[in-house]
Amino acid sequence: MMYRGKFVLVIKEIDSVAFGKLLTILYGTMGLVFGLFTTIAAFMGFSMPKKYGIFSLIFGKWAVLSLPVFYGVSGYFIGRIAAGLYNAAVGSKRGFKIEVLR
């Protein structure tokens, strides 16, 4: 659809499963970066003692493995919820218009 020389895209619905998968990849990558820095800090001696249980797993030497899983799973559910809320909010209307320059 042309509108004043610009293209107008209308987003009427977002697939919640696909959006959840996309955020799983993005959040998992972000968790990998955070986990890498946390693991480096743990190897430098800033880790928590093992008596703190799950916190030593998240903030300790195994953060490079635990944080991507945690962030990936939470990203999936956040994506599903956000897409569902978007679909519920604009479902009764005509959609969300975005102007795109060519």
Protein backbone atom coordinates (compact mmCIF):
# COMPACT_ATOMS: atom_id res chain seq x y z
CA MET A 1 0.00 0.00 0.00
CA MET A 2 1.46 3.37 -0.99
CA TYR A 3 0.91 6.36 1.22
CA ARG A 4 2.49 9.73 0.32
CA GLY A 5 5.41 8.08 -1.47
CA LYS A 6 6.15 5.75 1.43
CA PHE A 7 5.22 2.15 1.96
CA VAL A 8 2.88 1.44 4.85
CA LEU A 9 3.06 -1.98 6.43
CA VAL A 10 0.26 -3.17 8.66
CA ILE A 11 1.07 -5.78 11.30
CA LYS A 12 -2.20 -7.49 12.16
CA GLU A 13 -0.97 -10.53 14.07
CA ILE A 14 2.27 -11.98 15.41
CA ASP A 15 2.84 -15.73 15.51
CA SER A 16 3.54 -16.38 19.18
CA VAL A 17 5.55 -19.58 18.66
CA ALA A 18 7.83 -18.01 16.04
CA PHE A 19 8.31 -14.90 18.17
CA GLY A 20 9.11 -17.10 21.17
CA LYS A 21 11.73 -18.98 19.15
CA LEU A 22 13.26 -15.71 17.95
CA LEU A 23 13.54 -14.38 21.49
CA THR A 24 14.95 -17.73 22.63
CA ILE A 25 17.85 -17.28 20.21
CA LEU A 26 18.38 -13.62 21.12
CA TYR A 27 18.09 -14.10 24.88
CA GLY A 28 20.21 -17.28 24.79
CA THR A 29 22.98 -15.41 22.98
CA MET A 30 22.74 -12.60 25.50
CA GLY A 31 22.93 -15.19 28.32
CA LEU A 32 26.02 -16.70 26.71
CA VAL A 33 27.78 -13.32 26.70
CA PHE A 34 26.75 -12.58 30.30
CA GLY A 35 27.72 -16.10 31.35
CA LEU A 36 31.12 -15.74 29.74
CA PHE A 37 31.87 -12.55 31.64
CA THR A 38 30.50 -14.05 34.86
CA THR A 39 32.65 -17.15 34.45
CA ILE A 40 35.74 -15.03 33.78
CA ALA A 41 34.99 -13.10 36.98
CA ALA A 42 34.54 -16.39 38.85
CA PHE A 43 37.91 -17.67 37.63
CA MET A 44 39.46 -14.45 38.88
CA GLY A 45 38.26 -15.31 42.37
CA PHE A 46 35.01 -13.39 42.64
CA SER A 47 32.70 -16.41 42.75
CA MET A 48 30.27 -17.22 45.52
CA PRO A 49 30.97 -20.05 47.95
CA LYS A 50 29.32 -23.42 47.23
CA LYS A 51 27.22 -23.18 50.38
CA TYR A 52 24.87 -20.75 48.61
CA GLY A 53 23.49 -23.51 46.34
CA ILE A 54 21.82 -22.32 43.14
CA PHE A 55 23.40 -18.88 43.36
CA SER A 56 26.86 -20.40 43.10
CA LEU A 57 25.69 -22.18 39.93
CA ILE A 58 24.41 -18.97 38.36
CA PHE A 59 27.15 -16.63 39.53
CA GLY A 60 30.00 -19.13 39.66
CA LYS A 61 32.17 -21.07 37.27
CA TRP A 62 29.24 -22.78 35.54
CA ALA A 63 27.49 -19.56 34.54
CA VAL A 64 28.60 -19.97 30.92
CA LEU A 65 26.31 -23.03 30.77
CA SER A 66 23.48 -22.11 33.14
CA LEU A 67 22.79 -18.52 32.08
CA PRO A 68 22.13 -19.23 28.36
CA VAL A 69 19.66 -21.94 29.33
CA PHE A 70 17.93 -19.69 31.86
CA TYR A 71 17.81 -16.70 29.50
CA GLY A 72 16.72 -18.85 26.55
CA VAL A 73 13.81 -20.45 28.41
CA SER A 74 12.69 -17.12 29.86
CA GLY A 75 13.01 -15.50 26.40
CA TYR A 76 10.69 -18.13 24.93
CA PHE A 77 7.99 -17.51 27.50
CA ILE A 78 8.40 -13.73 27.32
CA GLY A 79 8.02 -13.92 23.54
CA ARG A 80 4.87 -16.02 23.77
CA ILE A 81 3.34 -13.69 26.33
CA ALA A 82 4.31 -10.52 24.44
CA ALA A 83 2.92 -11.83 21.13
CA GLY A 84 -0.28 -12.92 22.85
CA LEU A 85 -0.72 -9.51 24.45
CA TYR A 86 -0.06 -7.78 21.12
CA ASN A 87 -2.58 -9.98 19.32
CA ALA A 88 -5.16 -9.33 22.02
CA ALA A 89 -4.56 -5.58 21.97
CA VAL A 90 -4.77 -5.04 18.21
CA GLY A 91 -7.02 -7.97 17.36
CA SER A 92 -10.17 -5.87 17.37
CA LYS A 93 -8.56 -2.99 15.50
CA ARG A 94 -7.12 -2.75 11.99
CA GLY A 95 -3.55 -3.46 13.06
CA PHE A 96 -0.41 -1.47 13.67
CA LYS A 97 0.79 0.76 10.83
CA ILE A 98 4.49 1.25 10.14
CA GLU A 99 5.87 3.60 7.49
CA VAL A 100 8.86 2.18 5.63
CA LEU A 101 11.11 4.27 3.42
CA ARG A 102 12.34 2.70 0.25
